[in-house]
């Protein structure tokens, strides 16, 4: 009986420890701005890598830096990638993202939809989870300017 109690307490402790890795979901809201580097061809036909360093301000981060590494299929305008985020205090987290670019009436401008999913973190973001969507995304194909925002939830 004593062994069963010890096992039950140990299991509860392990479950609670695992659940406490990420806190309760909190709203995440951000704005960003930056300029893309030139597109680099990849080994995959029609797919190009575009790196975009961004700066912004976000809830739970303060001022942040974000480095986006996109893989864009120029034949469909769909993209995937990974983003590396650094908060004002140096803590970091990483997101994987997927999205779609859309043509506009202005040939220089593209709008986009994107969804980010948190995959890892350091410091206070270790064990973080969450996802957020891009809002009001606008990319200028002539200047490389990239701006918009994010809305979603974040747990850490």
Protein backbone atom coordinates (compact mmCIF):
# COMPACT_ATOMS: atom_id res chain seq x y z
CA UNK A 1 0.00 0.00 0.00
CA UNK A 2 2.85 2.35 0.87
CA UNK A 3 4.48 1.63 -2.52
CA UNK A 4 1.22 2.49 -4.36
CA UNK A 5 0.96 5.79 -2.47
CA UNK A 6 4.58 6.65 -3.29
CA UNK A 7 4.04 5.84 -6.96
CA UNK A 8 0.82 7.89 -7.05
CA UNK A 9 2.52 10.91 -5.45
CA UNK A 10 5.47 10.59 -7.84
CA UNK A 11 3.20 10.44 -10.89
CA UNK A 12 1.24 13.50 -9.70
CA UNK A 13 4.48 15.39 -9.15
CA UNK A 14 5.76 14.51 -12.63
CA UNK A 15 2.46 15.49 -14.25
CA UNK A 16 2.31 18.80 -12.41
CA UNK A 17 5.93 19.57 -13.23
CA UNK A 18 5.27 18.91 -16.93
CA UNK A 19 2.13 21.02 -16.93
CA UNK A 20 3.89 23.93 -15.25
CA UNK A 21 6.45 24.28 -18.04
CA UNK A 22 4.26 26.80 -19.82
CA UNK A 23 1.96 29.15 -17.94
CA UNK A 24 -1.60 30.07 -18.75
CA UNK A 25 -2.25 31.46 -22.24
CA UNK A 26 -2.05 35.25 -22.34
CA UNK A 27 -2.91 37.55 -25.24
CA UNK A 28 0.00 38.33 -27.54
CA UNK A 29 -0.03 41.51 -29.61
CA UNK A 30 2.88 42.97 -31.58
CA UNK A 31 3.80 45.42 -34.31
CA UNK A 32 6.89 45.04 -36.50
CA UNK A 33 8.89 46.81 -39.19
CA UNK A 34 12.00 45.93 -41.19
CA UNK A 35 13.60 45.52 -44.60
CA UNK A 36 14.22 42.24 -46.46
CA UNK A 37 17.54 41.19 -47.91
CA UNK A 38 17.62 40.18 -51.57
CA UNK A 39 16.09 36.82 -52.49
CA UNK A 40 18.56 33.94 -52.80
CA UNK A 41 17.75 30.96 -55.05
CA UNK A 42 17.62 27.53 -53.39
CA UNK A 43 18.14 24.09 -54.94
CA UNK A 44 14.35 23.77 -55.28
CA UNK A 45 12.97 25.29 -58.52
CA UNK A 46 11.00 28.53 -57.96
CA UNK A 47 11.82 28.57 -54.21
CA UNK A 48 13.88 31.43 -52.85
CA UNK A 49 15.22 32.22 -49.39
CA UNK A 50 14.50 35.71 -48.07
CA UNK A 51 15.88 36.86 -44.73
CA UNK A 52 14.11 39.74 -42.99
CA UNK A 53 15.46 41.35 -39.81
CA UNK A 54 12.59 43.06 -37.98
CA UNK A 55 12.23 45.25 -34.92
CA UNK A 56 9.04 45.75 -32.98
CA UNK A 57 7.19 46.05 -29.73
CA UNK A 58 5.07 43.30 -28.19
CA UNK A 59 3.19 42.40 -25.05
CA UNK A 60 5.38 40.21 -22.78
CA UNK A 61 8.49 41.07 -24.82
CA UNK A 62 8.81 44.85 -24.82
CA UNK A 63 11.03 45.92 -27.68
CA UNK A 64 12.13 42.91 -29.68
CA UNK A 65 14.26 41.82 -32.60
CA UNK A 66 12.97 39.14 -34.94
CA UNK A 67 14.95 37.42 -37.67
CA UNK A 68 12.69 35.76 -40.24
CA UNK A 69 14.07 33.17 -42.65
CA UNK A 70 11.48 32.60 -45.39
CA UNK A 71 11.33 30.00 -48.14
CA UNK A 72 8.97 31.43 -50.74
CA UNK A 73 7.68 29.55 -53.76
CA UNK A 74 7.48 32.32 -56.37
CA UNK A 75 5.14 30.22 -58.55
CA UNK A 76 2.43 30.02 -55.83
CA UNK A 77 3.52 32.82 -53.43
CA UNK A 78 3.21 30.35 -50.52
CA UNK A 79 5.94 30.43 -47.89
CA UNK A 80 7.29 28.63 -44.84
CA UNK A 81 10.09 29.45 -42.47
CA UNK A 82 11.49 29.95 -39.03
CA UNK A 83 11.68 33.10 -36.91
CA UNK A 84 14.16 33.84 -34.14
CA UNK A 85 12.88 36.30 -31.53
CA UNK A 86 14.90 38.18 -28.91
CA UNK A 87 13.10 40.06 -26.13
CA UNK A 88 14.36 43.30 -24.57
CA UNK A 89 16.11 41.36 -21.75
CA UNK A 90 17.82 38.86 -24.09
CA UNK A 91 15.46 35.90 -23.57
CA UNK A 92 14.62 34.18 -26.86
CA UNK A 93 12.06 31.98 -28.52
CA UNK A 94 11.71 30.42 -31.95
CA UNK A 95 8.64 30.01 -34.15
CA UNK A 96 7.91 28.02 -37.27
CA UNK A 97 5.59 29.76 -39.70
CA UNK A 98 3.56 29.24 -42.86
CA UNK A 99 1.85 31.83 -44.97
CA UNK A 100 0.61 33.14 -48.27
CA UNK A 101 1.42 36.32 -50.19
CA UNK A 102 -1.31 38.08 -52.20
CA UNK A 103 -1.06 40.47 -55.14
CA UNK A 104 -2.69 43.88 -54.80
CA UNK A 105 -3.80 46.58 -57.25
CA UNK A 106 -0.39 48.20 -56.72
CA UNK A 107 2.22 45.94 -58.41
CA UNK A 108 4.85 47.00 -55.85
CA UNK A 109 2.81 45.86 -52.83
CA UNK A 110 1.89 42.43 -51.52
CA UNK A 111 -0.30 41.60 -48.54
CA UNK A 112 0.14 38.39 -46.59
CA UNK A 113 -1.37 36.00 -44.11
CA UNK A 114 0.97 34.13 -41.77
CA UNK A 115 0.64 31.84 -38.75
CA UNK A 116 3.50 31.37 -36.26
CA UNK A 117 3.78 28.46 -33.81
CA UNK A 118 6.21 28.68 -30.87
CA UNK A 119 8.60 25.70 -30.93
CA UNK A 120 11.30 26.49 -28.34
CA UNK A 121 12.66 29.14 -26.03
CA UNK A 122 15.32 30.21 -23.52
CA UNK A 123 15.20 32.06 -20.21
CA UNK A 124 11.63 32.83 -19.17
CA UNK A 125 10.46 31.43 -22.54
CA UNK A 126 11.85 27.93 -21.91
CA UNK A 127 8.94 25.55 -22.49
CA UNK A 128 6.82 28.33 -24.04
CA UNK A 129 3.91 27.49 -26.31
CA UNK A 130 1.52 29.50 -28.39
CA UNK A 131 0.56 30.65 -31.83
CA UNK A 132 -0.26 33.94 -33.45
CA UNK A 133 -1.37 35.26 -36.80
CA UNK A 134 -0.03 38.13 -38.83
CA UNK A 135 -2.35 41.12 -39.16
CA UNK A 136 -2.18 44.04 -41.59
CA UNK A 137 0.89 42.53 -43.24
CA UNK A 138 2.31 44.56 -46.11
CA UNK A 139 5.45 43.88 -48.14
CA UNK A 140 6.93 46.32 -50.67
CA UNK A 141 8.61 44.37 -53.49
CA UNK A 142 10.56 47.44 -54.64
CA UNK A 143 12.03 48.62 -51.32
CA UNK A 144 11.88 45.36 -49.32
CA UNK A 145 9.96 47.08 -46.54
CA UNK A 146 7.99 44.63 -44.39
CA UNK A 147 5.49 45.80 -41.77
CA UNK A 148 2.46 44.63 -39.85
CA UNK A 149 1.52 43.02 -36.58
CA UNK A 150 0.65 39.81 -34.77
CA UNK A 151 -2.30 38.69 -32.65
CA UNK A 152 -2.63 35.44 -30.76
CA UNK A 153 -1.83 33.73 -27.48
CA UNK A 154 1.41 32.92 -25.72
CA UNK A 155 2.12 30.76 -22.67
CA UNK A 156 5.40 30.86 -20.77
